Amino acid sequence: MTEIICITDKNHPALPAIIEWLYDWWGKDEDYTKEQVEAYVRNAVCKDRIPQVFLILQDGVPAGTFQFAMSDIDTRPDCYPWLRDFWIEPAFRGKGLTYTVMEAIKEHAARLHLTELYLFTRHEGLYEKFGWEYVETFPTYLTPDDKQRLYRLSIC
């Protein structure tokens, strides 16, 4: 069974795992310290407004995370709010979990009265399966030649 929990306690016992996942995924590569990633995650813990941090549980086991935020990449201040840091642990990939999580993302976004979400990624063909609309490919300037795909999801 899949459960999605909005974390509202900055001392939630799952936060160290989320911090570790994000540090290993992008923190090291982008020259962030673990302390910076920890502050980034803990300061995104809010109850009734953005930003919010979510924990994905599969049969009671932490399987991933995602966040809602007002910003994600400095070069696109025109796009907000964002789905960012969508991560599923490798052991849980390829088992249909993404579909369940995407439905939960829509439900949680609607509860916050969001009308749309944005994300950027290098993945092509994944998010389209879940109703995300490809907007454009844009330079991120994270590295000199980095270009990524921008997507938008309308929330009904």
C-alpha atoms as a PDB file:
ATOM      1  CA  MET A   1       0.000   0.000   0.000  1.00  0.00           C
ATOM      2  CA  THR A   2       1.237   3.469  -0.896  1.00  0.00           C
ATOM      3  CA  GLU A   3       0.854   6.347   1.529  1.00  0.00           C
ATOM      4  CA  ILE A   4       1.795   9.992   0.922  1.00  0.00           C
ATOM      5  CA  ILE A   5       2.463  12.064   4.040  1.00  0.00           C
ATOM      6  CA  CYS A   6       2.852  15.833   4.149  1.00  0.00           C
ATOM      7  CA  ILE A   7       5.609  16.379   6.679  1.00  0.00           C
ATOM      8  CA  THR A   8       4.706  19.173   9.093  1.00  0.00           C
ATOM      9  CA  ASP A   9       7.331  18.597  11.805  1.00  0.00           C
ATOM     10  CA  LYS A  10      10.885  19.822  11.170  1.00  0.00           C
ATOM     11  CA  ASN A  11      12.065  16.938  13.367  1.00  0.00           C
ATOM     12  CA  HIS A  12      10.108  14.196  11.570  1.00  0.00           C
ATOM     13  CA  PRO A  13      12.066  10.917  11.753  1.00  0.00           C
ATOM     14  CA  ALA A  14      12.052  10.515   7.941  1.00  0.00           C
ATOM     15  CA  LEU A  15      13.802  13.834   7.262  1.00  0.00           C
ATOM     16  CA  PRO A  16      17.352  12.447   7.629  1.00  0.00           C
ATOM     17  CA  ALA A  17      16.618   9.913   4.870  1.00  0.00           C
ATOM     18  CA  ILE A  18      15.156  12.611   2.613  1.00  0.00           C
ATOM     19  CA  ILE A  19      18.162  14.846   3.255  1.00  0.00           C
ATOM     20  CA  GLU A  20      20.519  11.981   2.414  1.00  0.00           C
ATOM     21  CA  TRP A  21      18.637  11.140  -0.811  1.00  0.00           C
ATOM     22  CA  LEU A  22      18.750  14.750  -2.019  1.00  0.00           C
ATOM     23  CA  TYR A  23      22.352  15.287  -0.976  1.00  0.00           C
ATOM     24  CA  ASP A  24      23.415  12.166  -2.869  1.00  0.00           C
ATOM     25  CA  TRP A  25      21.220  13.005  -5.883  1.00  0.00           C
ATOM     26  CA  TRP A  26      22.128  16.653  -6.506  1.00  0.00           C
ATOM     27  CA  GLY A  27      23.745  18.194  -3.431  1.00  0.00           C
ATOM     28  CA  LYS A  28      27.220  16.795  -3.963  1.00  0.00           C
ATOM     29  CA  ASP A  29      27.223  17.516  -7.709  1.00  0.00           C
ATOM     30  CA  GLU A  30      26.128  21.115  -7.166  1.00  0.00           C
ATOM     31  CA  ASP A  31      28.695  21.703  -4.386  1.00  0.00           C
ATOM     32  CA  TYR A  32      26.220  21.978  -1.519  1.00  0.00           C
ATOM     33  CA  THR A  33      27.240  20.820   1.934  1.00  0.00           C
ATOM     34  CA  LYS A  34      25.058  18.312   3.712  1.00  0.00           C
ATOM     35  CA  GLU A  35      24.206  21.089   6.189  1.00  0.00           C
ATOM     36  CA  GLN A  36      22.939  23.288   3.348  1.00  0.00           C
ATOM     37  CA  VAL A  37      20.744  20.478   2.015  1.00  0.00           C
ATOM     38  CA  GLU A  38      19.460  19.840   5.535  1.00  0.00           C
ATOM     39  CA  ALA A  39      18.524  23.519   5.961  1.00  0.00           C
ATOM     40  CA  TYR A  40      16.904  23.493   2.507  1.00  0.00           C
ATOM     41  CA  VAL A  41      14.730  20.503   3.430  1.00  0.00           C
ATOM     42  CA  ARG A  42      13.862  21.437   7.020  1.00  0.00           C
ATOM     43  CA  ASN A  43      12.967  25.010   6.012  1.00  0.00           C
ATOM     44  CA  ALA A  44      10.614  23.646   3.350  1.00  0.00           C
ATOM     45  CA  VAL A  45       8.487  21.957   6.014  1.00  0.00           C
ATOM     46  CA  CYS A  46       5.246  23.931   6.236  1.00  0.00           C
ATOM     47  CA  LYS A  47       1.710  22.861   7.057  1.00  0.00           C
ATOM     48  CA  ASP A  48      -0.831  24.958   5.169  1.00  0.00           C
ATOM     49  CA  ARG A  49       1.235  26.762   2.565  1.00  0.00           C
ATOM     50  CA  ILE A  50       4.087  26.301   0.152  1.00  0.00           C
ATOM     51  CA  PRO A  51       6.782  25.056   0.509  1.00  0.00           C
ATOM     52  CA  GLN A  52       5.825  21.566   1.564  1.00  0.00           C
ATOM     53  CA  VAL A  53       7.770  18.315   1.849  1.00  0.00           C
ATOM     54  CA  PHE A  54       6.108  14.963   1.228  1.00  0.00           C
ATOM     55  CA  LEU A  55       7.179  11.455   2.134  1.00  0.00           C
ATOM     56  CA  ILE A  56       6.232   8.483  -0.029  1.00  0.00           C
ATOM     57  CA  LEU A  57       5.770   5.264   1.936  1.00  0.00           C
ATOM     58  CA  GLN A  58       5.375   1.869   0.317  1.00  0.00           C
ATOM     59  CA  ASP A  59       4.066  -0.741   2.762  1.00  0.00           C
ATOM     60  CA  GLY A  60       5.336   1.471   5.587  1.00  0.00           C
ATOM     61  CA  VAL A  61       8.858   1.798   4.161  1.00  0.00           C
ATOM     62  CA  PRO A  62      10.206   5.207   3.029  1.00  0.00           C
ATOM     63  CA  ALA A  63      10.284   4.971  -0.771  1.00  0.00           C
ATOM     64  CA  GLY A  64      10.656   8.560  -1.946  1.00  0.00           C
ATOM     65  CA  THR A  65       9.867  12.215  -1.623  1.00  0.00           C
ATOM     66  CA  PHE A  66       8.699  15.320  -3.446  1.00  0.00           C
ATOM     67  CA  GLN A  67       8.171  18.974  -2.649  1.00  0.00           C
ATOM     68  CA  PHE A  68       5.951  21.847  -3.666  1.00  0.00           C
ATOM     69  CA  ALA A  69       7.806  25.157  -3.810  1.00  0.00           C
ATOM     70  CA  MET A  70       7.459  28.656  -5.224  1.00  0.00           C
ATOM     71  CA  SER A  71      10.845  28.448  -6.934  1.00  0.00           C
ATOM     72  CA  ASP A  72      13.169  25.776  -8.195  1.00  0.00           C
ATOM     73  CA  ILE A  73      15.513  27.294 -10.735  1.00  0.00           C
ATOM     74  CA  ASP A  74      16.700  30.893 -10.698  1.00  0.00           C
ATOM     75  CA  THR A  75      16.522  31.347 -14.468  1.00  0.00           C
ATOM     76  CA  ARG A  76      12.742  30.707 -14.547  1.00  0.00           C
ATOM     77  CA  PRO A  77      11.116  33.127 -12.086  1.00  0.00           C
ATOM     78  CA  ASP A  78       8.171  33.306 -14.501  1.00  0.00           C
ATOM     79  CA  CYS A  79       7.115  29.753 -13.611  1.00  0.00           C
ATOM     80  CA  TYR A  80       5.576  28.826 -10.265  1.00  0.00           C
ATOM     81  CA  PRO A  81       4.660  26.881  -8.213  1.00  0.00           C
ATOM     82  CA  TRP A  82       6.979  23.912  -8.744  1.00  0.00           C
ATOM     83  CA  LEU A  83       7.044  20.205  -8.172  1.00  0.00           C
ATOM     84  CA  ARG A  84      10.661  19.698  -7.184  1.00  0.00           C
ATOM     85  CA  ASP A  85      12.878  16.979  -5.790  1.00  0.00           C
ATOM     86  CA  PHE A  86      10.632  14.144  -6.962  1.00  0.00           C
ATOM     87  CA  TRP A  87      12.665  11.119  -5.964  1.00  0.00           C
ATOM     88  CA  ILE A  88      11.819   7.428  -5.802  1.00  0.00           C
ATOM     89  CA  GLU A  89      14.390   5.089  -4.305  1.00  0.00           C
ATOM     90  CA  PRO A  90      15.797   2.723  -6.969  1.00  0.00           C
ATOM     91  CA  ALA A  91      14.434  -0.389  -5.209  1.00  0.00           C
ATOM     92  CA  PHE A  92      10.881   0.950  -5.700  1.00  0.00           C
ATOM     93  CA  ARG A  93      11.169   2.027  -9.339  1.00  0.00           C
ATOM     94  CA  GLY A  94       9.465   0.219 -12.191  1.00  0.00           C
ATOM     95  CA  LYS A  95       6.589  -1.019 -10.022  1.00  0.00           C
ATOM     96  CA  GLY A  96       3.858   1.492 -10.908  1.00  0.00           C
ATOM     97  CA  LEU A  97       4.525   3.737  -7.926  1.00  0.00           C
ATOM     98  CA  THR A  98       4.902   6.870 -10.073  1.00  0.00           C
ATOM     99  CA  TYR A  99       1.278   6.682 -11.231  1.00  0.00           C
ATOM    100  CA  THR A 100       0.003   6.553  -7.641  1.00  0.00           C
ATOM    101  CA  VAL A 101       2.291   9.404  -6.592  1.00  0.00           C
ATOM    102  CA  MET A 102       1.256  11.577  -9.549  1.00  0.00           C
ATOM    103  CA  GLU A 103      -2.398  11.179  -8.596  1.00  0.00           C
ATOM    104  CA  ALA A 104      -1.545  12.155  -5.009  1.00  0.00           C
ATOM    105  CA  ILE A 105       0.404  15.177  -6.286  1.00  0.00           C
ATOM    106  CA  LYS A 106      -2.728  16.392  -8.081  1.00  0.00           C
ATOM    107  CA  GLU A 107      -4.864  15.867  -4.962  1.00  0.00           C
ATOM    108  CA  HIS A 108      -2.441  17.680  -2.646  1.00  0.00           C
ATOM    109  CA  ALA A 109      -2.028  20.539  -5.135  1.00  0.00           C
ATOM    110  CA  ALA A 110      -5.805  20.942  -5.386  1.00  0.00           C
ATOM    111  CA  ARG A 111      -6.091  21.089  -1.576  1.00  0.00           C
ATOM    112  CA  LEU A 112      -3.677  24.032  -1.664  1.00  0.00           C
ATOM    113  CA  HIS A 113      -5.820  25.666  -4.395  1.00  0.00           C
ATOM    114  CA  LEU A 114      -2.975  25.464  -6.904  1.00  0.00           C
ATOM    115  CA  THR A 115      -4.087  25.682 -10.526  1.00  0.00           C
ATOM    116  CA  GLU A 116      -0.840  24.477 -12.076  1.00  0.00           C
ATOM    117  CA  LEU A 117       2.595  23.073 -11.289  1.00  0.00           C
ATOM    118  CA  TYR A 118       5.890  23.224 -13.161  1.00  0.00           C
ATOM    119  CA  LEU A 119       8.895  20.942 -13.189  1.00  0.00           C
ATOM    120  CA  PHE A 120      12.129  20.699 -15.116  1.00  0.00           C
ATOM    121  CA  THR A 121      13.932  17.507 -15.992  1.00  0.00           C
ATOM    122  CA  ARG A 122      16.157  15.731 -18.477  1.00  0.00           C
ATOM    123  CA  HIS A 123      13.587  12.913 -18.749  1.00  0.00           C
ATOM    124  CA  GLU A 124      11.688  12.732 -22.002  1.00  0.00           C
ATOM    125  CA  GLY A 125       8.481  10.746 -22.303  1.00  0.00           C
ATOM    126  CA  LEU A 126       7.925  10.079 -18.595  1.00  0.00           C
ATOM    127  CA  TYR A 127       5.852  12.989 -17.354  1.00  0.00           C
ATOM    128  CA  GLU A 128       3.701  13.137 -20.481  1.00  0.00           C
ATOM    129  CA  LYS A 129       2.226   9.783 -19.378  1.00  0.00           C
ATOM    130  CA  PHE A 130       0.791  11.513 -16.317  1.00  0.00           C
ATOM    131  CA  GLY A 131      -0.774  14.571 -17.947  1.00  0.00           C
ATOM    132  CA  TRP A 132       2.191  16.948 -17.856  1.00  0.00           C
ATOM    133  CA  GLU A 133       2.462  19.221 -20.897  1.00  0.00           C
ATOM    134  CA  TYR A 134       5.891  19.791 -22.441  1.00  0.00           C
ATOM    135  CA  VAL A 135       6.475  23.552 -22.652  1.00  0.00           C
ATOM    136  CA  GLU A 136      10.017  23.930 -23.999  1.00  0.00           C
ATOM    137  CA  THR A 137      13.649  23.029 -23.648  1.00  0.00           C
ATOM    138  CA  PHE A 138      15.609  25.800 -21.967  1.00  0.00           C
ATOM    139  CA  PRO A 139      19.164  26.497 -20.805  1.00  0.00           C
ATOM    140  CA  THR A 140      19.471  26.052 -17.043  1.00  0.00           C
ATOM    141  CA  TYR A 141      22.996  27.472 -16.772  1.00  0.00           C
ATOM    142  CA  LEU A 142      23.696  24.885 -14.078  1.00  0.00           C
ATOM    143  CA  THR A 143      26.585  23.938 -16.350  1.00  0.00           C
ATOM    144  CA  PRO A 144      27.605  25.773 -19.526  1.00  0.00           C
ATOM    145  CA  ASP A 145      25.767  23.417 -21.892  1.00  0.00           C
ATOM    146  CA  ASP A 146      22.924  22.167 -19.681  1.00  0.00           C
ATOM    147  CA  LYS A 147      19.471  22.275 -21.216  1.00  0.00           C
ATOM    148  CA  GLN A 148      16.426  20.688 -19.659  1.00  0.00           C
ATOM    149  CA  ARG A 149      12.778  20.171 -20.439  1.00  0.00           C
ATOM    150  CA  LEU A 150      10.132  22.373 -18.825  1.00  0.00           C
ATOM    151  CA  TYR A 151       6.720  20.825 -18.081  1.00  0.00           C
ATOM    152  CA  ARG A 152       3.426  22.217 -16.799  1.00  0.00           C
ATOM    153  CA  LEU A 153       0.571  20.337 -15.158  1.00  0.00           C
ATOM    154  CA  SER A 154      -2.918  21.846 -15.042  1.00  0.00           C
ATOM    155  CA  ILE A 155      -4.702  21.071 -11.793  1.00  0.00           C
ATOM    156  CA  CYS A 156      -8.467  20.647 -12.215  1.00  0.00           C
END
